[in-house]
Protein backbone atom coordinates (compact mmCIF):
# COMPACT_ATOMS: atom_id res chain seq x y z
CA MET A 1 14.29 1.33 15.23
CA SER A 2 13.69 0.75 11.54
CA SER A 3 15.04 -1.70 9.00
CA SER A 4 14.63 -1.24 5.10
CA SER A 5 13.58 -5.04 3.20
CA GLU A 6 14.12 -5.57 -0.21
CA SER A 7 10.36 -5.10 -0.32
CA GLU A 8 9.88 -1.91 0.94
CA VAL A 9 9.08 0.63 -2.01
CA VAL A 10 8.95 4.46 -1.64
CA LEU A 11 7.35 6.53 -4.26
CA ARG A 12 9.27 10.02 -5.02
CA ARG A 13 9.57 12.32 -6.83
CA ALA A 14 12.17 12.53 -9.03
CA THR A 15 15.14 14.21 -8.39
CA ALA A 16 18.74 15.35 -10.86
CA PRO A 17 20.42 12.37 -9.07
CA ASP A 18 17.67 9.93 -10.03
CA ALA A 19 17.71 10.52 -13.77
CA ARG A 20 21.14 8.19 -15.04
CA PRO A 21 19.58 5.45 -12.66
CA ALA A 22 16.06 5.99 -13.77
CA ALA A 23 17.46 6.07 -17.77
CA ASP A 24 18.24 2.84 -16.48
CA VAL A 25 15.38 1.36 -16.04
CA TRP A 26 13.15 2.50 -18.66
CA LEU A 27 16.80 1.02 -21.00
CA ARG A 28 16.46 -2.31 -19.07
CA SER A 29 12.72 -2.62 -18.62
CA PHE A 30 12.47 -2.14 -22.69
CA ALA A 31 14.71 -4.39 -23.79
CA ALA A 32 12.91 -7.23 -21.19
CA ALA A 33 9.50 -6.28 -22.17
CA LEU A 34 9.70 -5.29 -25.83
CA PRO A 35 12.60 -7.42 -27.65
CA THR A 36 11.13 -7.02 -31.37
CA VAL A 37 10.75 -2.74 -30.82
CA VAL A 38 13.97 -1.25 -32.25
CA SER A 39 14.54 2.01 -30.20
CA PRO A 40 15.36 5.26 -32.57
CA ARG A 41 17.50 6.22 -29.75
CA SER A 42 20.49 4.88 -28.49
CA ALA A 43 21.15 4.24 -24.93
CA ASP A 44 23.43 7.66 -24.56
CA ASP A 45 20.32 9.58 -26.05
CA VAL A 46 18.14 8.24 -23.62
CA ARG A 47 20.35 9.19 -20.36
CA GLU A 48 20.85 12.39 -22.18
CA TYR A 49 16.79 12.82 -23.01
CA PHE A 50 16.33 11.48 -18.97
CA ARG A 51 18.96 14.13 -18.05
CA ASP A 52 17.46 16.89 -19.90
CA VAL A 53 13.94 16.98 -20.10
CA VAL A 54 12.57 14.32 -18.37
CA VAL A 55 13.11 14.53 -14.39
CA PRO A 56 13.91 18.55 -14.80
CA LEU A 57 11.02 18.87 -17.02
CA ARG A 58 7.71 16.74 -16.35
CA GLU A 59 6.01 15.17 -13.83
CA THR A 60 8.24 12.53 -12.53
CA TRP A 61 8.30 9.69 -9.81
CA VAL A 62 10.47 6.94 -9.32
CA ALA A 63 10.47 3.51 -6.66
CA ASP A 64 13.08 3.25 -4.67
CA ALA A 65 14.21 0.12 -2.77
CA GLY A 66 16.34 0.72 -0.55
CA GLY A 67 18.40 3.52 -2.39
CA ALA A 68 18.35 2.10 -5.52
CA VAL A 69 15.73 2.81 -8.41
CA VAL A 70 13.70 -0.05 -9.62
CA GLY A 71 11.03 1.65 -11.19
CA VAL A 72 9.89 5.21 -13.07
CA MET A 73 6.80 6.79 -13.91
CA VAL A 74 5.92 10.38 -16.31
CA VAL A 75 2.64 11.93 -16.16
CA LYS A 76 2.18 14.76 -17.95
CA GLY A 77 -1.13 16.67 -17.29
CA ASP A 78 -3.72 13.61 -17.68
CA GLU A 79 -1.46 10.94 -19.34
CA LEU A 80 0.44 8.73 -18.25
CA SER A 81 3.26 9.35 -20.26
CA GLN A 82 5.98 6.49 -19.21
CA LEU A 83 5.96 3.82 -16.85
CA TYR A 84 8.35 1.05 -16.62
CA LEU A 85 10.13 -1.33 -13.75
CA GLU A 86 13.14 -3.12 -13.33
CA PRO A 87 12.43 -6.61 -14.98
CA ASP A 88 13.18 -8.65 -12.22
CA TRP A 89 10.93 -5.96 -9.69
CA ARG A 90 7.73 -6.61 -12.32
CA GLY A 91 4.87 -9.08 -10.33
CA ARG A 92 5.75 -7.29 -6.68
CA GLY A 93 3.20 -4.37 -7.00
CA ILE A 94 5.13 -1.63 -8.04
CA GLY A 95 3.05 -1.02 -11.51
CA ASP A 96 0.02 -1.12 -8.96
CA LEU A 97 1.70 1.55 -6.54
CA PHE A 98 2.12 3.82 -9.56
CA VAL A 99 -1.17 3.61 -11.06
CA GLY A 100 -2.70 4.37 -8.02
CA LEU A 101 -0.67 7.46 -7.85
CA ALA A 102 -1.15 8.95 -11.21
CA LYS A 103 -5.32 8.91 -11.06
CA GLU A 104 -4.48 10.79 -7.49
CA CYS A 105 -2.42 12.95 -10.20
CA SER A 106 -5.45 12.92 -12.87
CA PRO A 107 -8.81 12.77 -11.23
CA GLN A 108 -10.61 13.44 -14.06
CA GLY A 109 -8.76 10.90 -15.49
CA LEU A 110 -6.30 9.63 -18.05
CA THR A 111 -4.64 8.48 -21.13
CA LEU A 112 -1.61 6.41 -22.39
CA TRP A 113 -0.09 4.53 -25.43
CA THR A 114 1.23 1.13 -25.55
CA PHE A 115 3.09 -1.24 -28.35
CA GLN A 116 -0.14 -3.43 -29.55
CA VAL A 117 2.98 -6.55 -28.97
CA ASN A 118 2.97 -5.60 -25.54
CA LYS A 119 0.06 -7.49 -24.23
CA PRO A 120 1.33 -7.60 -20.81
CA ALA A 121 0.59 -4.01 -20.58
CA HIS A 122 -2.81 -4.49 -22.16
CA ARG A 123 -3.35 -6.89 -19.30
CA PHE A 124 -2.09 -4.79 -16.49
CA TYR A 125 -4.33 -1.47 -17.43
CA GLU A 126 -7.37 -3.34 -18.16
CA ARG A 127 -6.98 -4.60 -14.46
CA HIS A 128 -6.87 -0.90 -13.80
CA GLY A 129 -9.97 0.17 -15.42
CA PHE A 130 -8.20 1.36 -18.97
CA VAL A 131 -10.44 0.76 -22.03
CA ALA A 132 -8.39 0.83 -25.47
CA VAL A 133 -9.84 3.65 -27.59
CA GLU A 134 -7.68 3.50 -30.53
CA TYR A 135 -5.35 1.44 -32.61
CA THR A 136 -2.84 2.89 -35.17
CA ASP A 137 -0.40 1.78 -37.15
CA GLY A 138 2.61 3.69 -35.55
CA SER A 139 2.79 6.12 -37.89
CA GLY A 140 3.07 8.71 -35.36
CA ASN A 141 5.56 7.35 -32.60
CA GLU A 142 9.12 7.61 -32.88
CA GLU A 143 9.61 3.55 -33.25
CA LEU A 144 7.21 3.09 -36.30
CA GLU A 145 5.63 0.13 -34.15
CA PRO A 146 1.65 -0.10 -34.04
CA ASP A 147 0.06 1.21 -31.25
CA VAL A 148 -2.89 1.32 -28.76
CA ARG A 149 -4.50 4.28 -26.51
CA TYR A 150 -5.63 3.56 -23.49
CA VAL A 151 -8.18 5.83 -21.26
CA TRP A 152 -9.66 5.64 -17.91
CA ARG A 153 -12.83 7.24 -16.66
CA PRO A 154 -13.50 7.73 -12.35
């Protein structure tokens, strides 16, 4: 006998049916966390990208809460390339679980980029031992938004 509670979250590799819900998590999270950053991609473009590239070709993980995707993380080699959570699920430890998993997947170290305006992300990653090592004017990302590169070394 097992019961599933709302707070029970399982991290698992994404499969094809997860592409749409993972993209939707990305869209809602991006809008909530980065209201001043203009995404150059439409919602349909993001969903297509998750369906055709992110889920089938990248190491994509989802946080599954009773069958609902509430978070997504993408690791590409030693880069933590994406970590997004449903806005209502922030602050419940899912991000901590994802970062722990990313460190297991890349025990030699990790790098990631986040936007300079995303101060909550800076605090989150710094709490997990990441150090800011490079700041840019944003000319290297598609949003053209100033960003910062973080590195974690064990």
